[in-house]
Amino acid sequence: MTRFRALQRHGLQPDTRVCLFDDGLPLSLAPEAPALKSMTDLRRVPAASIKPEASIDQAMLRMIHMGVRLLFVLDELGVLVGLITARDIMGEKPVRLAAEEHIARENIHVQNVMVPLEQIDALDLPEVERSSVGDIVLTLRKAGRQHALVREETPHGTEIRGIFSISQIARQLGITLPSNDVVQSFAGLEQLIASDE
């Protein structure tokens, strides 16, 4: 005799849909909510990445396909060598590089415009665990960044455990952000935080 049982099966209706991926984050938050509730946890969501040799156009297509605005740049061994954001691709870096180096846009690679590892900083997971969503917003504003990485010390060494995105936080706080305007984005978030105090 087995202690397992077969489950009852059911037919599907013609209007059945497939559940859309929501990355497991809560739909709405208050600024006082624990910061971890707005962090994309890379133990639960696969990291979006690209190789340094890829073209910036390939990187942009990957971002669009994955619904993200930041890619980890990994070498052939999977080691982090940099980051590239939509702003890096659509901003002045490629234009300046094309003009200065006389390179056609299609020949500009991720490694030419990415933020290299030595220029990347991260928040420590234990401090994030003691922080609020509002603390993260102010941290991002002070740094003038749209993303923050969270690192964790593991038996294997330092690992990137999570990512905060100002656009994700804004959605969770119920704010519509103007596209590509960091100053207005932070102003809107700070106004919401101030109104809750």
N, C-alpha and C. Protein backbone atom coordinates (compact mmCIF):
# COMPACT_ATOMS: atom_id res chain seq x y z
N MET A 1 0.85 -1.18 0.00
CA MET A 1 0.00 0.00 0.00
C MET A 1 0.89 1.24 0.00
N THR A 2 0.59 2.14 -0.88
CA THR A 2 1.38 3.37 -0.97
C THR A 2 0.71 4.51 -0.20
N ARG A 3 1.49 5.45 0.25
CA ARG A 3 0.92 6.59 0.98
C ARG A 3 0.70 7.79 0.06
N PHE A 4 0.85 7.57 -1.22
CA PHE A 4 0.62 8.64 -2.18
C PHE A 4 -0.74 8.46 -2.83
N ARG A 5 -1.28 9.52 -3.41
CA ARG A 5 -2.58 9.43 -4.07
C ARG A 5 -2.53 10.24 -5.36
N ALA A 6 -3.27 9.80 -6.34
CA ALA A 6 -3.38 10.53 -7.60
C ALA A 6 -4.35 11.69 -7.41
N LEU A 7 -4.01 12.85 -7.95
CA LEU A 7 -4.88 14.02 -7.84
C LEU A 7 -5.94 13.99 -8.92
N GLN A 8 -7.05 14.64 -8.64
CA GLN A 8 -8.13 14.72 -9.62
C GLN A 8 -7.72 15.68 -10.73
N ARG A 9 -7.99 15.31 -11.97
CA ARG A 9 -7.67 16.16 -13.12
C ARG A 9 -8.93 16.85 -13.59
N HIS A 10 -8.75 18.05 -14.19
CA HIS A 10 -9.88 18.85 -14.65
C HIS A 10 -9.60 19.34 -16.06
N GLY A 11 -10.65 19.44 -16.87
CA GLY A 11 -10.52 20.00 -18.22
C GLY A 11 -10.35 21.52 -18.15
N LEU A 12 -9.85 22.10 -19.23
CA LEU A 12 -9.65 23.55 -19.30
C LEU A 12 -10.74 24.19 -20.15
N GLN A 13 -11.12 25.40 -19.77
CA GLN A 13 -12.12 26.16 -20.51
C GLN A 13 -11.45 26.88 -21.69
N PRO A 14 -12.22 27.23 -22.73
CA PRO A 14 -11.65 27.90 -23.91
C PRO A 14 -10.98 29.24 -23.61
N ASP A 15 -11.37 29.93 -22.53
CA ASP A 15 -10.78 31.24 -22.23
C ASP A 15 -9.66 31.16 -21.19
N THR A 16 -9.08 29.97 -21.00
CA THR A 16 -8.01 29.79 -20.02
C THR A 16 -6.75 30.53 -20.47
N ARG A 17 -6.12 31.22 -19.54
CA ARG A 17 -4.90 31.97 -19.82
C ARG A 17 -3.74 31.38 -19.04
N VAL A 18 -2.53 31.72 -19.47
CA VAL A 18 -1.33 31.32 -18.75
C VAL A 18 -0.96 32.46 -17.81
N CYS A 19 -0.65 32.15 -16.59
CA CYS A 19 -0.26 33.15 -15.60
C CYS A 19 0.98 33.89 -16.07
N LEU A 20 0.96 35.21 -15.95
CA LEU A 20 2.11 36.02 -16.34
C LEU A 20 3.11 36.10 -15.19
N PHE A 21 4.38 36.10 -15.53
CA PHE A 21 5.46 36.18 -14.55
C PHE A 21 5.41 37.53 -13.86
N ASP A 22 5.43 37.53 -12.53
CA ASP A 22 5.40 38.80 -11.79
C ASP A 22 6.61 38.98 -10.89
N ASP A 23 7.60 38.19 -11.04
CA ASP A 23 8.85 38.16 -10.28
C ASP A 23 8.68 38.00 -8.77
N GLY A 24 7.46 37.68 -8.34
CA GLY A 24 7.23 37.37 -6.95
C GLY A 24 7.20 38.56 -6.01
N LEU A 25 7.35 39.78 -6.53
CA LEU A 25 7.34 40.96 -5.67
C LEU A 25 5.91 41.41 -5.41
N PRO A 26 5.65 41.98 -4.24
CA PRO A 26 4.30 42.47 -3.95
C PRO A 26 3.88 43.56 -4.93
N LEU A 27 2.59 43.62 -5.23
CA LEU A 27 2.09 44.62 -6.18
C LEU A 27 2.12 46.02 -5.62
N SER A 28 1.91 46.17 -4.32
CA SER A 28 1.94 47.52 -3.76
C SER A 28 2.63 47.50 -2.40
N LEU A 29 3.33 48.60 -2.13
CA LEU A 29 4.09 48.75 -0.89
C LEU A 29 3.96 50.17 -0.37
N ALA A 30 4.26 50.35 0.89
CA ALA A 30 4.40 51.67 1.49
C ALA A 30 5.90 51.94 1.66
N PRO A 31 6.30 53.21 1.73
CA PRO A 31 7.72 53.52 1.91
C PRO A 31 8.33 52.90 3.17
N GLU A 32 7.50 52.63 4.18
CA GLU A 32 8.00 52.05 5.43
C GLU A 32 8.18 50.54 5.34
N ALA A 33 7.74 49.93 4.27
CA ALA A 33 7.82 48.47 4.13
C ALA A 33 9.29 48.02 4.14
N PRO A 34 9.53 46.79 4.56
CA PRO A 34 10.91 46.28 4.54
C PRO A 34 11.49 46.32 3.12
N ALA A 35 12.73 46.75 3.02
CA ALA A 35 13.39 46.90 1.72
C ALA A 35 13.39 45.60 0.91
N LEU A 36 13.52 44.47 1.59
CA LEU A 36 13.57 43.19 0.87
C LEU A 36 12.33 42.94 0.03
N LYS A 37 11.21 43.57 0.39
CA LYS A 37 9.97 43.37 -0.37
C LYS A 37 10.04 44.03 -1.75
N SER A 38 11.00 44.92 -1.96
CA SER A 38 11.13 45.56 -3.28
C SER A 38 12.39 45.10 -4.02
N MET A 39 13.15 44.19 -3.42
CA MET A 39 14.38 43.71 -4.05
C MET A 39 14.09 42.51 -4.94
N THR A 40 14.62 42.53 -6.14
CA THR A 40 14.58 41.35 -7.00
C THR A 40 15.64 40.39 -6.49
N ASP A 41 15.21 39.25 -5.97
CA ASP A 41 16.10 38.27 -5.36
C ASP A 41 16.60 37.32 -6.44
N LEU A 42 17.89 37.34 -6.70
CA LEU A 42 18.46 36.53 -7.77
C LEU A 42 18.52 35.04 -7.43
N ARG A 43 18.11 34.67 -6.23
CA ARG A 43 17.94 33.24 -5.94
C ARG A 43 16.61 32.74 -6.47
N ARG A 44 15.69 33.67 -6.74
CA ARG A 44 14.36 33.30 -7.20
C ARG A 44 14.07 33.72 -8.63
N VAL A 45 14.81 34.70 -9.13
CA VAL A 45 14.62 35.22 -10.49
C VAL A 45 15.96 35.13 -11.20
N PRO A 46 16.01 34.54 -12.39
CA PRO A 46 17.29 34.44 -13.08
C PRO A 46 17.84 35.82 -13.44
N ALA A 47 19.14 35.98 -13.28
CA ALA A 47 19.80 37.24 -13.62
C ALA A 47 19.85 37.40 -15.14
N ALA A 48 19.53 38.58 -15.61
CA ALA A 48 19.63 38.89 -17.04
C ALA A 48 21.08 39.26 -17.33
N SER A 49 21.70 38.57 -18.27
CA SER A 49 23.12 38.80 -18.53
C SER A 49 23.43 38.77 -20.01
N ILE A 50 24.64 39.22 -20.31
CA ILE A 50 25.13 39.25 -21.69
C ILE A 50 26.65 39.16 -21.66
N LYS A 51 27.24 38.78 -22.76
CA LYS A 51 28.70 38.69 -22.89
C LYS A 51 29.28 40.05 -23.29
N PRO A 52 30.51 40.34 -22.92
CA PRO A 52 31.12 41.63 -23.26
C PRO A 52 31.27 41.85 -24.77
N GLU A 53 31.38 40.76 -25.53
CA GLU A 53 31.60 40.87 -26.98
C GLU A 53 30.32 41.15 -27.76
N ALA A 54 29.18 41.05 -27.12
CA ALA A 54 27.90 41.29 -27.82
C ALA A 54 27.81 42.76 -28.23
N SER A 55 27.07 43.01 -29.29
CA SER A 55 26.87 44.40 -29.72
C SER A 55 25.89 45.09 -28.78
N ILE A 56 25.94 46.42 -28.75
CA ILE A 56 25.00 47.14 -27.89
C ILE A 56 23.57 46.98 -28.40
N ASP A 57 23.41 46.78 -29.71
CA ASP A 57 22.06 46.55 -30.24
C ASP A 57 21.53 45.20 -29.76
N GLN A 58 22.40 44.18 -29.69
CA GLN A 58 21.99 42.88 -29.14
C GLN A 58 21.61 43.02 -27.66
N ALA A 59 22.37 43.83 -26.94
CA ALA A 59 22.08 44.05 -25.52
C ALA A 59 20.72 44.72 -25.35
N MET A 60 20.43 45.71 -26.19
CA MET A 60 19.14 46.41 -26.08
C MET A 60 17.99 45.45 -26.39
N LEU A 61 18.15 44.63 -27.41
CA LEU A 61 17.11 43.64 -27.74
C LEU A 61 16.90 42.66 -26.59
N ARG A 62 17.98 42.26 -25.95
CA ARG A 62 17.87 41.34 -24.81
C ARG A 62 17.10 42.01 -23.66
N MET A 63 17.41 43.28 -23.41
CA MET A 63 16.69 44.01 -22.36
C MET A 63 15.20 44.06 -22.66
N ILE A 64 14.87 44.39 -23.90
CA ILE A 64 13.46 44.48 -24.29
C ILE A 64 12.79 43.12 -24.13
N HIS A 65 13.45 42.08 -24.61
CA HIS A 65 12.89 40.72 -24.53
C HIS A 65 12.67 40.28 -23.08
N MET A 66 13.60 40.66 -22.19
CA MET A 66 13.51 40.21 -20.79
C MET A 66 12.75 41.20 -19.91
N GLY A 67 12.40 42.36 -20.46
CA GLY A 67 11.66 43.35 -19.67
C GLY A 67 12.48 43.99 -18.57
N VAL A 68 13.78 44.21 -18.84
CA VAL A 68 14.68 44.81 -17.85
C VAL A 68 15.40 45.99 -18.48
N ARG A 69 16.05 46.78 -17.64
CA ARG A 69 16.83 47.92 -18.13
C ARG A 69 18.29 47.82 -17.69
N LEU A 70 18.68 46.66 -17.17
CA LEU A 70 20.06 46.42 -16.73
C LEU A 70 20.42 44.98 -17.02
N LEU A 71 21.63 44.79 -17.54
CA LEU A 71 22.15 43.44 -17.77
C LEU A 71 23.48 43.30 -17.04
N PHE A 72 23.70 42.14 -16.43
CA PHE A 72 25.01 41.81 -15.90
C PHE A 72 25.88 41.40 -17.09
N VAL A 73 27.11 41.87 -17.12
CA VAL A 73 28.04 41.48 -18.17
C VAL A 73 28.95 40.42 -17.56
N LEU A 74 28.86 39.19 -18.10
CA LEU A 74 29.60 38.05 -17.56
C LEU A 74 30.60 37.54 -18.57
N ASP A 75 31.80 37.16 -18.08
CA ASP A 75 32.79 36.58 -18.98
C ASP A 75 32.42 35.12 -19.27
N GLU A 76 33.30 34.43 -20.00
CA GLU A 76 32.99 33.06 -20.41
C GLU A 76 32.90 32.09 -19.23
N LEU A 77 33.43 32.47 -18.06
CA LEU A 77 33.35 31.63 -16.87
C LEU A 77 32.17 32.01 -15.96
N GLY A 78 31.39 32.99 -16.40
CA GLY A 78 30.25 33.44 -15.61
C GLY A 78 30.61 34.42 -14.51
N VAL A 79 31.81 35.00 -14.60
CA VAL A 79 32.27 35.97 -13.61
C VAL A 79 31.82 37.37 -14.04
N LEU A 80 31.33 38.14 -13.08
CA LEU A 80 30.88 39.50 -13.36
C LEU A 80 32.05 40.39 -13.75
N VAL A 81 31.94 41.04 -14.92
CA VAL A 81 32.98 41.98 -15.36
C VAL A 81 32.44 43.39 -15.51
N GLY A 82 31.11 43.55 -15.46
CA GLY A 82 30.52 44.88 -15.58
C GLY A 82 29.01 44.82 -15.63
N LEU A 83 28.43 46.00 -15.83
CA LEU A 83 26.99 46.16 -15.99
C LEU A 83 26.74 47.04 -17.20
N ILE A 84 25.63 46.84 -17.86
CA ILE A 84 25.21 47.76 -18.91
C ILE A 84 23.73 48.04 -18.71
N THR A 85 23.39 49.32 -18.82
CA THR A 85 22.00 49.74 -18.65
C THR A 85 21.47 50.30 -19.96
N ALA A 86 20.16 50.43 -20.02
CA ALA A 86 19.55 51.04 -21.21
C ALA A 86 20.08 52.45 -21.40
N ARG A 87 20.34 53.15 -20.31
CA ARG A 87 20.89 54.50 -20.41
C ARG A 87 22.29 54.49 -21.04
N ASP A 88 23.10 53.47 -20.72
CA ASP A 88 24.43 53.35 -21.35
C ASP A 88 24.31 53.19 -22.86
N ILE A 89 23.30 52.46 -23.29
CA ILE A 89 23.13 52.16 -24.72
C ILE A 89 22.47 53.32 -25.46
N MET A 90 21.49 53.94 -24.84
CA MET A 90 20.72 54.99 -25.52
C MET A 90 21.25 56.39 -25.23
N GLY A 91 22.23 56.50 -24.34
CA GLY A 91 22.76 57.80 -23.95
C GLY A 91 23.90 58.26 -24.83
N GLU A 92 24.74 59.10 -24.25
CA GLU A 92 25.81 59.73 -25.03
C GLU A 92 27.04 58.85 -25.22
N LYS A 93 27.22 57.81 -24.41
CA LYS A 93 28.42 56.98 -24.53
C LYS A 93 28.64 56.44 -25.95
N PRO A 94 27.65 55.77 -26.55
CA PRO A 94 27.87 55.25 -27.91
C PRO A 94 28.09 56.36 -28.94
N VAL A 95 27.39 57.47 -28.79
CA VAL A 95 27.54 58.59 -29.74
C VAL A 95 28.95 59.14 -29.65
N ARG A 96 29.42 59.37 -28.43
CA ARG A 96 30.77 59.90 -28.23
C ARG A 96 31.82 58.92 -28.75
N LEU A 97 31.65 57.64 -28.45
CA LEU A 97 32.60 56.62 -28.90
C LEU A 97 32.63 56.55 -30.43
N ALA A 98 31.47 56.58 -31.05
CA ALA A 98 31.40 56.54 -32.52
C ALA A 98 32.11 57.73 -33.13
N ALA A 99 31.93 58.91 -32.54
CA ALA A 99 32.55 60.12 -33.08
C ALA A 99 34.06 60.14 -32.84
N GLU A 100 34.48 59.80 -31.64
CA GLU A 100 35.91 59.86 -31.29
C GLU A 100 36.73 58.76 -31.96
N GLU A 101 36.16 57.57 -32.04
CA GLU A 101 36.90 56.42 -32.56
C GLU A 101 36.54 56.08 -34.00
N HIS A 102 35.61 56.84 -34.58
CA HIS A 102 35.15 56.60 -35.96
C HIS A 102 34.67 55.15 -36.12
N ILE A 103 33.79 54.75 -35.20
CA ILE A 103 33.24 53.39 -35.20
C ILE A 103 31.75 53.49 -35.54
N ALA A 104 31.30 52.63 -36.42
CA ALA A 104 29.87 52.56 -36.73
C ALA A 104 29.14 51.98 -35.51
N ARG A 105 27.93 52.44 -35.26
CA ARG A 105 27.16 51.99 -34.10
C ARG A 105 27.07 50.47 -34.02
N GLU A 106 26.86 49.82 -35.16
CA GLU A 106 26.72 48.36 -35.13
C GLU A 106 28.00 47.64 -34.73
N ASN A 107 29.12 48.37 -34.70
CA ASN A 107 30.40 47.78 -34.29
C ASN A 107 30.77 48.12 -32.85
N ILE A 108 29.86 48.77 -32.13
CA ILE A 108 30.12 49.09 -30.73
C ILE A 108 29.64 47.91 -29.88
N HIS A 109 30.54 47.42 -29.03
CA HIS A 109 30.25 46.26 -28.20
C HIS A 109 29.93 46.67 -26.77
N VAL A 110 29.31 45.77 -26.06
CA VAL A 110 28.95 45.99 -24.66
C VAL A 110 30.17 46.43 -23.87
N GLN A 111 31.32 45.77 -24.07
CA GLN A 111 32.52 46.09 -23.30
C GLN A 111 33.01 47.52 -23.54
N ASN A 112 32.60 48.14 -24.64
CA ASN A 112 33.01 49.51 -24.95
C ASN A 112 32.26 50.56 -24.13
N VAL A 113 31.05 50.25 -23.68
CA VAL A 113 30.22 51.25 -22.99
C VAL A 113 29.72 50.80 -21.62
N MET A 114 30.04 49.58 -21.21
CA MET A 114 29.55 49.08 -19.92
C MET A 114 30.23 49.81 -18.76
N VAL A 115 29.64 49.68 -17.59
CA VAL A 115 30.27 50.14 -16.37
C VAL A 115 31.15 48.98 -15.89
N PRO A 116 32.48 49.18 -15.85
CA PRO A 116 33.35 48.07 -15.46
C PRO A 116 33.24 47.73 -13.97
N LEU A 117 33.60 46.52 -13.63
CA LEU A 117 33.48 46.01 -12.26
C LEU A 117 34.07 46.96 -11.23
N GLU A 118 35.22 47.54 -11.53
CA GLU A 118 35.88 48.40 -10.54
C GLU A 118 35.12 49.70 -10.25
N GLN A 119 34.12 50.01 -11.05
CA GLN A 119 33.30 51.21 -10.82
C GLN A 119 31.93 50.87 -10.23
N ILE A 120 31.71 49.61 -9.91
CA ILE A 120 30.42 49.17 -9.40
C ILE A 120 30.49 49.06 -7.88
N ASP A 121 29.48 49.60 -7.22
CA ASP A 121 29.38 49.40 -5.78
C ASP A 121 28.08 48.68 -5.47
N ALA A 122 27.98 48.18 -4.26
CA ALA A 122 26.80 47.39 -3.88
C ALA A 122 26.47 47.64 -2.42
N LEU A 123 25.25 47.34 -2.07
CA LEU A 123 24.78 47.39 -0.69
C LEU A 123 24.98 46.01 -0.06
N ASP A 124 25.22 45.98 1.24
CA ASP A 124 25.38 44.71 1.94
C ASP A 124 24.02 44.16 2.37
N LEU A 125 23.79 42.87 2.13
CA LEU A 125 22.52 42.24 2.45
C LEU A 125 22.10 42.44 3.91
N PRO A 126 23.00 42.25 4.90
CA PRO A 126 22.55 42.44 6.28
C PRO A 126 22.01 43.85 6.55
N GLU A 127 22.61 44.88 5.93
CA GLU A 127 22.10 46.24 6.12
C GLU A 127 20.76 46.41 5.41
N VAL A 128 20.63 45.84 4.22
CA VAL A 128 19.36 45.91 3.49
C VAL A 128 18.25 45.25 4.30
N GLU A 129 18.56 44.15 4.97
CA GLU A 129 17.56 43.45 5.78
C GLU A 129 17.01 44.31 6.91
N ARG A 130 17.77 45.32 7.32
CA ARG A 130 17.35 46.22 8.40
C ARG A 130 16.81 47.55 7.86
N SER A 131 16.58 47.65 6.55
CA SER A 131 16.21 48.91 5.91
C SER A 131 14.79 48.88 5.37
N SER A 132 14.30 50.08 5.03
CA SER A 132 12.95 50.22 4.46
C SER A 132 13.05 50.57 2.98
N VAL A 133 11.92 50.49 2.29
CA VAL A 133 11.86 50.90 0.89
C VAL A 133 12.26 52.37 0.77
N GLY A 134 11.80 53.21 1.69
CA GLY A 134 12.17 54.62 1.68
C GLY A 134 13.67 54.82 1.80
N ASP A 135 14.34 54.01 2.62
CA ASP A 135 15.80 54.09 2.74
C ASP A 135 16.47 53.80 1.40
N ILE A 136 15.94 52.83 0.67
CA ILE A 136 16.52 52.48 -0.63
C ILE A 136 16.32 53.62 -1.62
N VAL A 137 15.13 54.22 -1.63
CA VAL A 137 14.87 55.35 -2.53
C VAL A 137 15.87 56.47 -2.26
N LEU A 138 16.08 56.81 -0.99
CA LEU A 138 17.01 57.88 -0.66
C LEU A 138 18.45 57.50 -1.00
N THR A 139 18.80 56.24 -0.84
CA THR A 139 20.14 55.77 -1.21
C THR A 139 20.36 55.92 -2.71
N LEU A 140 19.37 55.51 -3.50
CA LEU A 140 19.48 55.64 -4.95
C LEU A 140 19.56 57.11 -5.37
N ARG A 141 18.75 57.95 -4.73
CA ARG A 141 18.78 59.38 -5.06
C ARG A 141 20.14 59.98 -4.76
N LYS A 142 20.67 59.67 -3.59
CA LYS A 142 21.97 60.22 -3.19
C LYS A 142 23.07 59.79 -4.17
N ALA A 143 22.96 58.57 -4.68
CA ALA A 143 23.96 58.06 -5.63
C ALA A 143 23.66 58.50 -7.06
N GLY A 144 22.44 59.03 -7.31
CA GLY A 144 22.07 59.42 -8.67
C GLY A 144 21.92 58.22 -9.59
N ARG A 145 21.48 57.10 -9.03
CA ARG A 145 21.38 55.85 -9.79
C ARG A 145 19.94 55.38 -9.88
N GLN A 146 19.67 54.57 -10.90
CA GLN A 146 18.35 53.96 -11.04
C GLN A 146 18.34 52.52 -10.54
N HIS A 147 19.52 51.97 -10.28
CA HIS A 147 19.63 50.59 -9.79
C HIS A 147 20.64 50.53 -8.64
N ALA A 148 20.45 49.57 -7.77
CA ALA A 148 21.44 49.27 -6.73
C ALA A 148 21.55 47.76 -6.63
N LEU A 149 22.78 47.29 -6.56
CA LEU A 149 23.03 45.87 -6.38
C LEU A 149 23.15 45.56 -4.89
N VAL A 150 22.81 44.34 -4.54
CA VAL A 150 22.94 43.88 -3.15
C VAL A 150 23.87 42.68 -3.16
N ARG A 151 24.91 42.76 -2.34
CA ARG A 151 25.87 41.66 -2.29
C ARG A 151 25.69 40.86 -1.01
N GLU A 152 26.08 39.59 -1.12
CA GLU A 152 26.00 38.69 0.03
C GLU A 152 27.30 37.91 0.12
N GLU A 153 27.83 37.79 1.32
CA GLU A 153 29.02 36.98 1.54
C GLU A 153 28.55 35.54 1.77
N THR A 154 29.04 34.64 0.94
CA THR A 154 28.66 33.23 1.04
C THR A 154 29.92 32.39 1.20
N PRO A 155 29.79 31.10 1.48
CA PRO A 155 30.97 30.24 1.54
C PRO A 155 31.75 30.22 0.22
N HIS A 156 31.09 30.61 -0.87
CA HIS A 156 31.74 30.62 -2.19
C HIS A 156 32.39 31.96 -2.49
N GLY A 157 32.26 32.94 -1.60
CA GLY A 157 32.79 34.29 -1.83
C GLY A 157 31.65 35.29 -1.94
N THR A 158 31.96 36.46 -2.46
CA THR A 158 30.95 37.51 -2.62
C THR A 158 30.09 37.21 -3.84
N GLU A 159 28.77 37.28 -3.65
CA GLU A 159 27.84 37.07 -4.76
C GLU A 159 26.84 38.21 -4.79
N ILE A 160 26.40 38.57 -6.00
CA ILE A 160 25.32 39.53 -6.14
C ILE A 160 24.03 38.78 -5.84
N ARG A 161 23.33 39.19 -4.79
CA ARG A 161 22.13 38.49 -4.34
C ARG A 161 20.86 39.13 -4.89
N GLY A 162 20.90 40.46 -5.11
CA GLY A 162 19.68 41.11 -5.54
C GLY A 162 19.91 42.43 -6.23
N ILE A 163 18.82 42.98 -6.74
CA ILE A 163 18.85 44.27 -7.44
C ILE A 163 17.64 45.08 -6.98
N PHE A 164 17.87 46.36 -6.75
CA PHE A 164 16.79 47.32 -6.57
C PHE A 164 16.71 48.15 -7.84
N SER A 165 15.51 48.39 -8.31
CA SER A 165 15.27 49.21 -9.50
C SER A 165 14.30 50.32 -9.11
N ILE A 166 14.68 51.57 -9.41
CA ILE A 166 13.81 52.69 -9.07
C ILE A 166 12.47 52.58 -9.78
N SER A 167 12.46 52.04 -11.00
CA SER A 167 11.18 51.92 -11.72
C SER A 167 10.30 50.85 -11.08
N GLN A 168 10.89 49.76 -10.60
CA GLN A 168 10.13 48.72 -9.90
C GLN A 168 9.57 49.26 -8.59
N ILE A 169 10.39 49.99 -7.84
CA ILE A 169 9.93 50.56 -6.58
C ILE A 169 8.79 51.54 -6.83
N ALA A 170 8.93 52.36 -7.86
CA ALA A 170 7.88 53.34 -8.18
C ALA A 170 6.56 52.63 -8.49
N ARG A 171 6.62 51.55 -9.28
CA ARG A 171 5.40 50.79 -9.58
C ARG A 171 4.76 50.27 -8.29
N GLN A 172 5.60 49.75 -7.40
CA GLN A 172 5.08 49.20 -6.15
C GLN A 172 4.50 50.28 -5.23
N LEU A 173 5.02 51.50 -5.36
CA LEU A 173 4.51 52.62 -4.57
C LEU A 173 3.34 53.32 -5.25
N GLY A 174 3.01 52.88 -6.47
CA GLY A 174 1.88 53.46 -7.19
C GLY A 174 2.18 54.78 -7.88
N ILE A 175 3.44 54.97 -8.29
CA ILE A 175 3.85 56.21 -8.95
C ILE A 175 4.19 55.91 -10.40
N THR A 176 3.74 56.79 -11.30
CA THR A 176 4.14 56.70 -12.70
C THR A 176 5.33 57.61 -12.90
N LEU A 177 6.44 57.05 -13.38
CA LEU A 177 7.65 57.84 -13.58
C LEU A 177 7.77 58.29 -15.02
N PRO A 178 8.25 59.53 -15.24
CA PRO A 178 8.56 59.94 -16.60
C PRO A 178 9.74 59.11 -17.10
N SER A 179 9.72 58.73 -18.36
CA SER A 179 10.79 57.88 -18.88
C SER A 179 12.10 58.65 -18.94
N ASN A 180 13.18 57.99 -18.50
CA ASN A 180 14.54 58.50 -18.59
C ASN A 180 14.76 59.85 -17.90
N ASP A 181 13.97 60.20 -16.90
CA ASP A 181 14.19 61.45 -16.18
C ASP A 181 14.41 61.13 -14.71
N VAL A 182 15.68 60.95 -14.36
CA VAL A 182 16.03 60.53 -13.01
C VAL A 182 15.62 61.57 -11.98
N VAL A 183 15.84 62.86 -12.29
CA VAL A 183 15.52 63.92 -11.33
C VAL A 183 14.03 63.92 -11.01
N GLN A 184 13.17 63.88 -12.03
CA GLN A 184 11.73 63.86 -11.79
C GLN A 184 11.31 62.57 -11.10
N SER A 185 11.96 61.46 -11.44
CA SER A 185 11.64 60.18 -10.80
C SER A 185 11.83 60.28 -9.29
N PHE A 186 12.98 60.78 -8.87
CA PHE A 186 13.26 60.89 -7.45
C PHE A 186 12.37 61.92 -6.79
N ALA A 187 12.07 63.00 -7.49
CA ALA A 187 11.19 64.03 -6.92
C ALA A 187 9.82 63.44 -6.62
N GLY A 188 9.28 62.65 -7.54
CA GLY A 188 7.98 62.02 -7.33
C GLY A 188 8.00 61.04 -6.17
N LEU A 189 9.06 60.25 -6.08
CA LEU A 189 9.16 59.28 -4.99
C LEU A 189 9.33 59.98 -3.64
N GLU A 190 10.16 61.03 -3.62
CA GLU A 190 10.37 61.75 -2.37
C GLU A 190 9.08 62.44 -1.91
N GLN A 191 8.30 62.94 -2.87
CA GLN A 191 7.04 63.58 -2.52
C GLN A 191 6.10 62.56 -1.87
N LEU A 192 6.05 61.35 -2.41
CA LEU A 192 5.21 60.31 -1.83
C LEU A 192 5.69 59.95 -0.43
N ILE A 193 7.00 59.81 -0.27
CA ILE A 193 7.55 59.45 1.04
C ILE A 193 7.25 60.56 2.05
N ALA A 194 7.43 61.82 1.64
CA ALA A 194 7.17 62.95 2.54
C ALA A 194 5.69 63.01 2.94
N SER A 195 4.80 62.66 2.02
CA SER A 195 3.36 62.72 2.33
C SER A 195 2.95 61.64 3.32
N ASP A 196 3.76 60.59 3.44
CA ASP A 196 3.44 59.52 4.39
C ASP A 196 4.00 59.79 5.79
N GLU A 197 4.82 60.83 5.92
CA GLU A 197 5.45 61.10 7.22
C GLU A 197 4.53 61.89 8.12
